[in-house]
PDB file of N, CA and C in Angstrom:
ATOM      1  N   MET A   1      -1.838  20.014  13.164  1.00  0.00           N
ATOM      2  CA  MET A   1      -1.697  19.856  11.735  1.00  0.00           C
ATOM      3  C   MET A   1      -2.947  19.169  11.198  1.00  0.00           C
ATOM      4  N   SER A   2      -3.616  19.788  10.254  1.00  0.00           N
ATOM      5  CA  SER A   2      -4.837  19.209   9.708  1.00  0.00           C
ATOM      6  C   SER A   2      -4.520  18.358   8.487  1.00  0.00           C
ATOM      7  N   SER A   3      -5.363  17.367   8.265  1.00  0.00           N
ATOM      8  CA  SER A   3      -5.163  16.497   7.118  1.00  0.00           C
ATOM      9  C   SER A   3      -6.063  16.956   5.981  1.00  0.00           C
ATOM     10  N   LYS A   4      -5.706  16.492   4.786  1.00  0.00           N
ATOM     11  CA  LYS A   4      -6.553  16.813   3.647  1.00  0.00           C
ATOM     12  C   LYS A   4      -6.761  15.555   2.833  1.00  0.00           C
ATOM     13  N   ARG A   5      -7.834  15.512   2.096  1.00  0.00           N
ATOM     14  CA  ARG A   5      -8.160  14.361   1.274  1.00  0.00           C
ATOM     15  C   ARG A   5      -7.335  14.414  -0.009  1.00  0.00           C
ATOM     16  N   VAL A   6      -6.689  13.274  -0.332  1.00  0.00           N
ATOM     17  CA  VAL A   6      -5.845  13.180  -1.518  1.00  0.00           C
ATOM     18  C   VAL A   6      -6.362  12.042  -2.397  1.00  0.00           C
ATOM     19  N   GLU A   7      -6.729  12.372  -3.642  1.00  0.00           N
ATOM     20  CA  GLU A   7      -7.190  11.360  -4.592  1.00  0.00           C
ATOM     21  C   GLU A   7      -5.978  10.668  -5.203  1.00  0.00           C
ATOM     22  N   LEU A   8      -5.976   9.322  -5.180  1.00  0.00           N
ATOM     23  CA  LEU A   8      -4.830   8.563  -5.656  1.00  0.00           C
ATOM     24  C   LEU A   8      -5.032   7.957  -7.037  1.00  0.00           C
ATOM     25  N   CYS A   9      -6.173   7.304  -7.265  1.00  0.00           N
ATOM     26  CA  CYS A   9      -6.420   6.654  -8.541  1.00  0.00           C
ATOM     27  C   CYS A   9      -7.879   6.217  -8.597  1.00  0.00           C
ATOM     28  N   SER A  10      -8.289   5.695  -9.743  1.00  0.00           N
ATOM     29  CA  SER A  10      -9.618   5.113  -9.877  1.00  0.00           C
ATOM     30  C   SER A  10      -9.592   3.684  -9.362  1.00  0.00           C
ATOM     31  N   THR A  11     -10.712   3.205  -8.857  1.00  0.00           N
ATOM     32  CA  THR A  11     -10.775   1.828  -8.378  1.00  0.00           C
ATOM     33  C   THR A  11     -10.471   0.850  -9.512  1.00  0.00           C
ATOM     34  N   GLY A  12     -10.851   1.187 -10.732  1.00  0.00           N
ATOM     35  CA  GLY A  12     -10.602   0.321 -11.882  1.00  0.00           C
ATOM     36  C   GLY A  12      -9.136   0.227 -12.270  1.00  0.00           C
ATOM     37  N   ASP A  13      -8.298   1.102 -11.716  1.00  0.00           N
ATOM     38  CA  ASP A  13      -6.860   1.077 -12.024  1.00  0.00           C
ATOM     39  C   ASP A  13      -6.118  -0.018 -11.266  1.00  0.00           C
ATOM     40  N   VAL A  14      -6.765  -0.614 -10.257  1.00  0.00           N
ATOM     41  CA  VAL A  14      -6.098  -1.614  -9.415  1.00  0.00           C
ATOM     42  C   VAL A  14      -6.982  -2.864  -9.366  1.00  0.00           C
ATOM     43  N   ALA A  15      -6.621  -3.865 -10.146  1.00  0.00           N
ATOM     44  CA  ALA A  15      -7.395  -5.107 -10.196  1.00  0.00           C
ATOM     45  C   ALA A  15      -7.271  -5.858  -8.874  1.00  0.00           C
ATOM     46  N   PRO A  16      -8.256  -6.677  -8.526  1.00  0.00           N
ATOM     47  CA  PRO A  16      -8.161  -7.472  -7.302  1.00  0.00           C
ATOM     48  C   PRO A  16      -6.876  -8.302  -7.290  1.00  0.00           C
ATOM     49  N   GLY A  17      -6.211  -8.307  -6.128  1.00  0.00           N
ATOM     50  CA  GLY A  17      -4.981  -9.076  -5.976  1.00  0.00           C
ATOM     51  C   GLY A  17      -3.740  -8.394  -6.510  1.00  0.00           C
ATOM     52  N   THR A  18      -3.860  -7.099  -6.858  1.00  0.00           N
ATOM     53  CA  THR A  18      -2.714  -6.363  -7.389  1.00  0.00           C
ATOM     54  C   THR A  18      -2.500  -5.073  -6.597  1.00  0.00           C
ATOM     55  N   ALA A  19      -1.434  -4.367  -6.977  1.00  0.00           N
ATOM     56  CA  ALA A  19      -1.121  -3.076  -6.365  1.00  0.00           C
ATOM     57  C   ALA A  19      -0.687  -2.104  -7.450  1.00  0.00           C
ATOM     58  N   ARG A  20      -0.764  -0.821  -7.109  1.00  0.00           N
ATOM     59  CA  ARG A  20      -0.340   0.235  -8.032  1.00  0.00           C
ATOM     60  C   ARG A  20       0.455   1.257  -7.233  1.00  0.00           C
ATOM     61  N   LYS A  21       1.567   1.678  -7.806  1.00  0.00           N
ATOM     62  CA  LYS A  21       2.388   2.724  -7.184  1.00  0.00           C
ATOM     63  C   LYS A  21       1.826   4.082  -7.584  1.00  0.00           C
ATOM     64  N   VAL A  22       1.678   4.962  -6.588  1.00  0.00           N
ATOM     65  CA  VAL A  22       1.171   6.312  -6.833  1.00  0.00           C
ATOM     66  C   VAL A  22       2.101   7.300  -6.134  1.00  0.00           C
ATOM     67  N   GLU A  23       2.559   8.284  -6.894  1.00  0.00           N
ATOM     68  CA  GLU A  23       3.386   9.350  -6.329  1.00  0.00           C
ATOM     69  C   GLU A  23       2.603  10.651  -6.416  1.00  0.00           C
ATOM     70  N   THR A  24       2.323  11.245  -5.246  1.00  0.00           N
ATOM     71  CA  THR A  24       1.555  12.476  -5.192  1.00  0.00           C
ATOM     72  C   THR A  24       1.799  13.174  -3.864  1.00  0.00           C
ATOM     73  N   GLU A  25       1.682  14.483  -3.864  1.00  0.00           N
ATOM     74  CA  GLU A  25       1.794  15.277  -2.631  1.00  0.00           C
ATOM     75  C   GLU A  25       3.062  14.958  -1.840  1.00  0.00           C
ATOM     76  N   GLY A  26       4.147  14.603  -2.534  1.00  0.00           N
ATOM     77  CA  GLY A  26       5.399  14.283  -1.868  1.00  0.00           C
ATOM     78  C   GLY A  26       5.437  12.895  -1.243  1.00  0.00           C
ATOM     79  N   LEU A  27       4.409  12.085  -1.500  1.00  0.00           N
ATOM     80  CA  LEU A  27       4.329  10.727  -0.966  1.00  0.00           C
ATOM     81  C   LEU A  27       4.517   9.715  -2.090  1.00  0.00           C
ATOM     82  N   THR A  28       5.126   8.576  -1.766  1.00  0.00           N
ATOM     83  CA  THR A  28       5.194   7.449  -2.690  1.00  0.00           C
ATOM     84  C   THR A  28       4.451   6.307  -2.012  1.00  0.00           C
ATOM     85  N   LEU A  29       3.301   5.947  -2.581  1.00  0.00           N
ATOM     86  CA  LEU A  29       2.376   5.033  -1.937  1.00  0.00           C
ATOM     87  C   LEU A  29       2.119   3.793  -2.782  1.00  0.00           C
ATOM     88  N   ALA A  30       1.660   2.741  -2.120  1.00  0.00           N
ATOM     89  CA  ALA A  30       1.183   1.535  -2.789  1.00  0.00           C
ATOM     90  C   ALA A  30      -0.313   1.423  -2.497  1.00  0.00           C
ATOM     91  N   VAL A  31      -1.109   1.328  -3.561  1.00  0.00           N
ATOM     92  CA  VAL A  31      -2.548   1.126  -3.432  1.00  0.00           C
ATOM     93  C   VAL A  31      -2.817  -0.342  -3.735  1.00  0.00           C
ATOM     94  N   PHE A  32      -3.382  -1.060  -2.773  1.00  0.00           N
ATOM     95  CA  PHE A  32      -3.654  -2.493  -2.909  1.00  0.00           C
ATOM     96  C   PHE A  32      -5.151  -2.738  -3.016  1.00  0.00           C
ATOM     97  N   ASN A  33      -5.520  -3.717  -3.833  1.00  0.00           N
ATOM     98  CA  ASN A  33      -6.896  -4.187  -3.911  1.00  0.00           C
ATOM     99  C   ASN A  33      -6.899  -5.616  -3.379  1.00  0.00           C
ATOM    100  N   VAL A  34      -7.438  -5.794  -2.179  1.00  0.00           N
ATOM    101  CA  VAL A  34      -7.513  -7.105  -1.546  1.00  0.00           C
ATOM    102  C   VAL A  34      -8.980  -7.520  -1.539  1.00  0.00           C
ATOM    103  N   GLY A  35      -9.344  -8.379  -2.477  1.00  0.00           N
ATOM    104  CA  GLY A  35     -10.720  -8.870  -2.544  1.00  0.00           C
ATOM    105  C   GLY A  35     -11.748  -7.781  -2.736  1.00  0.00           C
ATOM    106  N   GLY A  36     -11.398  -6.740  -3.491  1.00  0.00           N
ATOM    107  CA  GLY A  36     -12.334  -5.650  -3.752  1.00  0.00           C
ATOM    108  C   GLY A  36     -12.304  -4.534  -2.722  1.00  0.00           C
ATOM    109  N   LYS A  37     -11.497  -4.692  -1.684  1.00  0.00           N
ATOM    110  CA  LYS A  37     -11.338  -3.631  -0.681  1.00  0.00           C
ATOM    111  C   LYS A  37      -9.958  -3.005  -0.866  1.00  0.00           C
ATOM    112  N   PHE A  38      -9.888  -1.696  -0.732  1.00  0.00           N
ATOM    113  CA  PHE A  38      -8.657  -0.976  -1.026  1.00  0.00           C
ATOM    114  C   PHE A  38      -7.906  -0.591   0.245  1.00  0.00           C
ATOM    115  N   TYR A  39      -6.568  -0.717   0.168  1.00  0.00           N
ATOM    116  CA  TYR A  39      -5.670  -0.382   1.260  1.00  0.00           C
ATOM    117  C   TYR A  39      -4.518   0.422   0.690  1.00  0.00           C
ATOM    118  N   VAL A  40      -3.994   1.344   1.484  1.00  0.00           N
ATOM    119  CA  VAL A  40      -2.875   2.177   1.041  1.00  0.00           C
ATOM    120  C   VAL A  40      -1.796   2.154   2.107  1.00  0.00           C
ATOM    121  N   THR A  41      -0.547   1.913   1.648  1.00  0.00           N
ATOM    122  CA  THR A  41       0.621   1.922   2.533  1.00  0.00           C
ATOM    123  C   THR A  41       1.706   2.756   1.866  1.00  0.00           C
ATOM    124  N   ASP A  42       2.754   3.067   2.635  1.00  0.00           N
ATOM    125  CA  ASP A  42       3.953   3.599   1.998  1.00  0.00           C
ATOM    126  C   ASP A  42       4.464   2.531   1.040  1.00  0.00           C
ATOM    127  N   ASP A  43       5.017   2.937  -0.089  1.00  0.00           N
ATOM    128  CA  ASP A  43       5.497   1.974  -1.081  1.00  0.00           C
ATOM    129  C   ASP A  43       6.869   1.419  -0.741  1.00  0.00           C
ATOM    130  N   LEU A  44       7.687   2.202  -0.055  1.00  0.00           N
ATOM    131  CA  LEU A  44       9.058   1.792   0.232  1.00  0.00           C
ATOM    132  C   LEU A  44       9.100   0.817   1.407  1.00  0.00           C
ATOM    133  N   CYS A  45       9.752  -0.309   1.186  1.00  0.00           N
ATOM    134  CA  CYS A  45       9.957  -1.289   2.256  1.00  0.00           C
ATOM    135  C   CYS A  45      10.778  -0.638   3.370  1.00  0.00           C
ATOM    136  N   THR A  46      10.485  -0.992   4.607  1.00  0.00           N
ATOM    137  CA  THR A  46      11.219  -0.417   5.735  1.00  0.00           C
ATOM    138  C   THR A  46      12.583  -1.077   5.935  1.00  0.00           C
ATOM    139  N   HIS A  47      12.888  -2.104   5.164  1.00  0.00           N
ATOM    140  CA  HIS A  47      14.152  -2.828   5.323  1.00  0.00           C
ATOM    141  C   HIS A  47      15.174  -2.468   4.262  1.00  0.00           C
ATOM    142  N   GLY A  48      14.735  -2.072   3.084  1.00  0.00           N
ATOM    143  CA  GLY A  48      15.670  -1.783   1.992  1.00  0.00           C
ATOM    144  C   GLY A  48      14.960  -1.039   0.884  1.00  0.00           C
ATOM    145  N   PRO A  49      15.587  -0.968  -0.276  1.00  0.00           N
ATOM    146  CA  PRO A  49      15.041  -0.145  -1.362  1.00  0.00           C
ATOM    147  C   PRO A  49      13.919  -0.797  -2.166  1.00  0.00           C
ATOM    148  N   GLY A  50      13.297  -1.834  -1.671  1.00  0.00           N
ATOM    149  CA  GLY A  50      12.240  -2.518  -2.408  1.00  0.00           C
ATOM    150  C   GLY A  50      10.965  -1.695  -2.512  1.00  0.00           C
ATOM    151  N   SER A  51      10.263  -1.859  -3.634  1.00  0.00           N
ATOM    152  CA  SER A  51       8.972  -1.219  -3.876  1.00  0.00           C
ATOM    153  C   SER A  51       7.878  -2.238  -3.594  1.00  0.00           C
ATOM    154  N   LEU A  52       7.047  -1.978  -2.595  1.00  0.00           N
ATOM    155  CA  LEU A  52       6.021  -2.941  -2.221  1.00  0.00           C
ATOM    156  C   LEU A  52       4.953  -3.106  -3.297  1.00  0.00           C
ATOM    157  N   SER A  53       4.711  -2.070  -4.088  1.00  0.00           N
ATOM    158  CA  SER A  53       3.728  -2.201  -5.167  1.00  0.00           C
ATOM    159  C   SER A  53       4.213  -3.167  -6.244  1.00  0.00           C
ATOM    160  N   GLU A  54       5.504  -3.459  -6.249  1.00  0.00           N
ATOM    161  CA  GLU A  54       6.066  -4.419  -7.203  1.00  0.00           C
ATOM    162  C   GLU A  54       6.290  -5.784  -6.557  1.00  0.00           C
ATOM    163  N   GLY A  55       5.858  -5.939  -5.311  1.00  0.00           N
ATOM    164  CA  GLY A  55       6.062  -7.188  -4.579  1.00  0.00           C
ATOM    165  C   GLY A  55       5.037  -8.246  -4.938  1.00  0.00           C
ATOM    166  N   TYR A  56       5.220  -9.420  -4.371  1.00  0.00           N
ATOM    167  CA  TYR A  56       4.327 -10.551  -4.563  1.00  0.00           C
ATOM    168  C   TYR A  56       3.202 -10.458  -3.532  1.00  0.00           C
ATOM    169  N   ILE A  57       1.953 -10.526  -3.993  1.00  0.00           N
ATOM    170  CA  ILE A  57       0.793 -10.377  -3.109  1.00  0.00           C
ATOM    171  C   ILE A  57       0.055 -11.701  -3.021  1.00  0.00           C
ATOM    172  N   GLU A  58      -0.183 -12.134  -1.786  1.00  0.00           N
ATOM    173  CA  GLU A  58      -1.011 -13.312  -1.554  1.00  0.00           C
ATOM    174  C   GLU A  58      -1.960 -12.998  -0.417  1.00  0.00           C
ATOM    175  N   ASP A  59      -3.255 -13.052  -0.720  1.00  0.00           N
ATOM    176  CA  ASP A  59      -4.298 -12.669   0.230  1.00  0.00           C
ATOM    177  C   ASP A  59      -4.022 -11.239   0.712  1.00  0.00           C
ATOM    178  N   ASP A  60      -3.792 -11.044   2.033  1.00  0.00           N
ATOM    179  CA  ASP A  60      -3.555  -9.688   2.543  1.00  0.00           C
ATOM    180  C   ASP A  60      -2.102  -9.491   2.975  1.00  0.00           C
ATOM    181  N   VAL A  61      -1.185 -10.233   2.335  1.00  0.00           N
ATOM    182  CA  VAL A  61       0.236 -10.117   2.635  1.00  0.00           C
ATOM    183  C   VAL A  61       0.991  -9.743   1.367  1.00  0.00           C
ATOM    184  N   VAL A  62       1.911  -8.789   1.503  1.00  0.00           N
ATOM    185  CA  VAL A  62       2.790  -8.427   0.392  1.00  0.00           C
ATOM    186  C   VAL A  62       4.218  -8.807   0.775  1.00  0.00           C
ATOM    187  N   GLU A  63       4.890  -9.430  -0.191  1.00  0.00           N
ATOM    188  CA  GLU A  63       6.288  -9.804   0.006  1.00  0.00           C
ATOM    189  C   GLU A  63       7.157  -8.850  -0.793  1.00  0.00           C
ATOM    190  N   CYS A  64       8.077  -8.185  -0.112  1.00  0.00           N
ATOM    191  CA  CYS A  64       8.975  -7.235  -0.764  1.00  0.00           C
ATOM    192  C   CYS A  64       9.817  -7.956  -1.807  1.00  0.00           C
ATOM    193  N   ASN A  65      10.005  -7.307  -2.936  1.00  0.00           N
ATOM    194  CA  ASN A  65      10.774  -7.899  -4.027  1.00  0.00           C
ATOM    195  C   ASN A  65      12.276  -7.755  -3.835  1.00  0.00           C
ATOM    196  N   PHE A  66      12.707  -7.162  -2.731  1.00  0.00           N
ATOM    197  CA  PHE A  66      14.137  -6.926  -2.517  1.00  0.00           C
ATOM    198  C   PHE A  66      14.756  -8.003  -1.618  1.00  0.00           C
ATOM    199  N   HIS A  67      14.253  -8.126  -0.384  1.00  0.00           N
ATOM    200  CA  HIS A  67      14.797  -9.128   0.544  1.00  0.00           C
ATOM    201  C   HIS A  67      13.749 -10.140   0.998  1.00  0.00           C
ATOM    202  N   ASN A  68      12.589 -10.125   0.374  1.00  0.00           N
ATOM    203  CA  ASN A  68      11.522 -11.093   0.642  1.00  0.00           C
ATOM    204  C   ASN A  68      10.876 -10.979   2.017  1.00  0.00           C
ATOM    205  N   GLY A  69      11.046  -9.850   2.692  1.00  0.00           N
ATOM    206  CA  GLY A  69      10.304  -9.622   3.928  1.00  0.00           C
ATOM    207  C   GLY A  69       8.830  -9.452   3.591  1.00  0.00           C
ATOM    208  N   GLN A  70       7.961  -9.701   4.571  1.00  0.00           N
ATOM    209  CA  GLN A  70       6.524  -9.634   4.318  1.00  0.00           C
ATOM    210  C   GLN A  70       5.814  -8.730   5.314  1.00  0.00           C
ATOM    211  N   PHE A  71       4.766  -8.070   4.795  1.00  0.00           N
ATOM    212  CA  PHE A  71       3.942  -7.171   5.605  1.00  0.00           C
ATOM    213  C   PHE A  71       2.471  -7.500   5.408  1.00  0.00           C
ATOM    214  N   ASN A  72       1.679  -7.273   6.457  1.00  0.00           N
ATOM    215  CA  ASN A  72       0.232  -7.361   6.337  1.00  0.00           C
ATOM    216  C   ASN A  72      -0.243  -6.069   5.677  1.00  0.00           C
ATOM    217  N   ILE A  73      -0.919  -6.194   4.566  1.00  0.00           N
ATOM    218  CA  ILE A  73      -1.386  -5.032   3.805  1.00  0.00           C
ATOM    219  C   ILE A  73      -2.407  -4.225   4.605  1.00  0.00           C
ATOM    220  N   ARG A  74      -3.247  -4.897   5.363  1.00  0.00           N
ATOM    221  CA  ARG A  74      -4.317  -4.214   6.110  1.00  0.00           C
ATOM    222  C   ARG A  74      -3.789  -3.401   7.287  1.00  0.00           C
ATOM    223  N   THR A  75      -2.772  -3.951   7.982  1.00  0.00           N
ATOM    224  CA  THR A  75      -2.315  -3.322   9.227  1.00  0.00           C
ATOM    225  C   THR A  75      -0.927  -2.701   9.145  1.00  0.00           C
ATOM    226  N   GLY A  76      -0.133  -3.125   8.144  1.00  0.00           N
ATOM    227  CA  GLY A  76       1.248  -2.649   8.035  1.00  0.00           C
ATOM    228  C   GLY A  76       2.227  -3.437   8.877  1.00  0.00           C
ATOM    229  N   GLU A  77       1.737  -4.360   9.700  1.00  0.00           N
ATOM    230  CA  GLU A  77       2.602  -5.126  10.592  1.00  0.00           C
ATOM    231  C   GLU A  77       3.515  -6.078   9.818  1.00  0.00           C
ATOM    232  N   VAL A  78       4.685  -6.321  10.377  1.00  0.00           N
ATOM    233  CA  VAL A  78       5.640  -7.260   9.787  1.00  0.00           C
ATOM    234  C   VAL A  78       5.099  -8.679   9.955  1.00  0.00           C
ATOM    235  N   VAL A  79       5.155  -9.453   8.865  1.00  0.00           N
ATOM    236  CA  VAL A  79       4.717 -10.845   8.878  1.00  0.00           C
ATOM    237  C   VAL A  79       5.917 -11.781   8.858  1.00  0.00           C
ATOM    238  N   ALA A  80       6.982 -11.387   8.140  1.00  0.00           N
ATOM    239  CA  ALA A  80       8.170 -12.246   8.040  1.00  0.00           C
ATOM    240  C   ALA A  80       9.428 -11.392   7.913  1.00  0.00           C
ATOM    241  N   PRO A  81      10.532 -11.849   8.551  1.00  0.00           N
ATOM    242  CA  PRO A  81      11.804 -11.134   8.462  1.00  0.00           C
ATOM    243  C   PRO A  81      12.377 -11.250   7.049  1.00  0.00           C
ATOM    244  N   PRO A  82      13.343 -10.425   6.709  1.00  0.00           N
ATOM    245  CA  PRO A  82      14.205  -9.658   7.595  1.00  0.00           C
ATOM    246  C   PRO A  82      13.631  -8.317   8.039  1.00  0.00           C
ATOM    247  N   CYS A  83      12.457  -7.959   7.577  1.00  0.00           N
ATOM    248  CA  CYS A  83      11.863  -6.682   7.975  1.00  0.00           C
ATOM    249  C   CYS A  83      11.542  -6.715   9.471  1.00  0.00           C
ATOM    250  N   MET A  84      11.740  -5.577  10.117  1.00  0.00           N
ATOM    251  CA  MET A  84      11.482  -5.471  11.556  1.00  0.00           C
ATOM    252  C   MET A  84      10.522  -4.323  11.878  1.00  0.00           C
ATOM    253  N   VAL A  85      10.492  -3.307  11.021  1.00  0.00           N
ATOM    254  CA  VAL A  85       9.700  -2.106  11.263  1.00  0.00           C
ATOM    255  C   VAL A  85       8.445  -2.147  10.389  1.00  0.00           C
ATOM    256  N   PRO A  86       7.265  -1.958  10.986  1.00  0.00           N
ATOM    257  CA  PRO A  86       6.029  -1.957  10.198  1.00  0.00           C
ATOM    258  C   PRO A  86       6.028  -0.836   9.154  1.00  0.00           C
ATOM    259  N   ILE A  87       5.202  -1.005   8.125  1.00  0.00           N
ATOM    260  CA  ILE A  87       5.021   0.062   7.133  1.00  0.00           C
ATOM    261  C   ILE A  87       3.836   0.925   7.553  1.00  0.00           C
ATOM    262  N   LYS A  88       3.882   2.173   7.142  1.00  0.00           N
ATOM    263  CA  LYS A  88       2.794   3.101   7.462  1.00  0.00           C
ATOM    264  C   LYS A  88       1.597   2.793   6.582  1.00  0.00           C
ATOM    265  N   THR A  89       0.417   2.791   7.192  1.00  0.00           N
ATOM    266  CA  THR A  89      -0.832   2.609   6.458  1.00  0.00           C
ATOM    267  C   THR A  89      -1.643   3.899   6.537  1.00  0.00           C
ATOM    268  N   TYR A  90      -2.558   4.050   5.610  1.00  0.00           N
ATOM    269  CA  TYR A  90      -3.392   5.252   5.542  1.00  0.00           C
ATOM    270  C   TYR A  90      -4.861   4.857   5.507  1.00  0.00           C
ATOM    271  N   PRO A  91      -5.720   5.605   6.223  1.00  0.00           N
ATOM    272  CA  PRO A  91      -7.157   5.341   6.127  1.00  0.00           C
ATOM    273  C   PRO A  91      -7.632   5.636   4.699  1.00  0.00           C
ATOM    274  N   VAL A  92      -8.398   4.720   4.135  1.00  0.00           N
ATOM    275  CA  VAL A  92      -8.846   4.828   2.747  1.00  0.00           C
ATOM    276  C   VAL A  92     -10.331   5.119   2.693  1.00  0.00           C
ATOM    277  N   LEU A  93     -10.690   5.987   1.772  1.00  0.00           N
ATOM    278  CA  LEU A  93     -12.081   6.282   1.469  1.00  0.00           C
ATOM    279  C   LEU A  93     -12.243   6.100  -0.033  1.00  0.00           C
ATOM    280  N   VAL A  94     -13.265   5.358  -0.458  1.00  0.00           N
ATOM    281  CA  VAL A  94     -13.563   5.244  -1.881  1.00  0.00           C
ATOM    282  C   VAL A  94     -14.768   6.136  -2.148  1.00  0.00           C
ATOM    283  N   LEU A  95     -14.549   7.169  -2.966  1.00  0.00           N
ATOM    284  CA  LEU A  95     -15.589   8.144  -3.288  1.00  0.00           C
ATOM    285  C   LEU A  95     -15.760   8.236  -4.799  1.00  0.00           C
ATOM    286  N   ASP A  96     -16.969   7.980  -5.274  1.00  0.00           N
ATOM    287  CA  ASP A  96     -17.264   8.082  -6.710  1.00  0.00           C
ATOM    288  C   ASP A  96     -16.248   7.319  -7.564  1.00  0.00           C
ATOM    289  N   GLY A  97     -15.891   6.107  -7.131  1.00  0.00           N
ATOM    290  CA  GLY A  97     -14.979   5.271  -7.894  1.00  0.00           C
ATOM    291  C   GLY A  97     -13.518   5.688  -7.815  1.00  0.00           C
ATOM    292  N   LYS A  98     -13.183   6.571  -6.880  1.00  0.00           N
ATOM    293  CA  LYS A  98     -11.807   7.032  -6.700  1.00  0.00           C
ATOM    294  C   LYS A  98     -11.288   6.611  -5.327  1.00  0.00           C
ATOM    295  N   VAL A  99     -10.043   6.120  -5.303  1.00  0.00           N
ATOM    296  CA  VAL A  99      -9.397   5.765  -4.039  1.00  0.00           C
ATOM    297  C   VAL A  99      -8.755   7.033  -3.486  1.00  0.00           C
ATOM    298  N   THR A 100      -9.134   7.403  -2.271  1.00  0.00           N
ATOM    299  CA  THR A 100      -8.598   8.610  -1.645  1.00  0.00           C
ATOM    300  C   THR A 100      -8.102   8.265  -0.235  1.00  0.00           C
ATOM    301  N   ILE A 101      -7.203   9.111   0.268  1.00  0.00           N
ATOM    302  CA  ILE A 101      -6.724   8.967   1.642  1.00  0.00           C
ATOM    303  C   ILE A 101      -6.767  10.323   2.324  1.00  0.00           C
ATOM    304  N   GLU A 102      -6.644  10.282   3.631  1.00  0.00           N
ATOM    305  CA  GLU A 102      -6.437  11.498   4.418  1.00  0.00           C
ATOM    306  C   GLU A 102      -4.942  11.582   4.688  1.00  0.00           C
ATOM    307  N   ALA A 103      -4.298  12.630   4.220  1.00  0.00           N
ATOM    308  CA  ALA A 103      -2.841  12.759   4.393  1.00  0.00           C
ATOM    309  C   ALA A 103      -2.505  14.096   4.994  1.00  0.00           C
TER     310      ALA A 103
END
């Protein structure tokens, strides 16, 4: 199965320390700006119906707004329970001011 490049948003759409929810190509993603570097994960928390793009962000950790579980934005790894399953992350490419992923 080959991957294709998917444009998600402009870099200016996601201020440092924030996230933006993007729905495209059948995916619901969270685009994070951590200190000017962009990261993309699945938006849905692996523990419940929380939206990670609506969570609390501190440094490179996002706290789900549903049960307060935490994930590392860079790696997807669980930082704090009740979450147990990591979130999926996507390799990010910034091209001409656009955040893109290989999906």
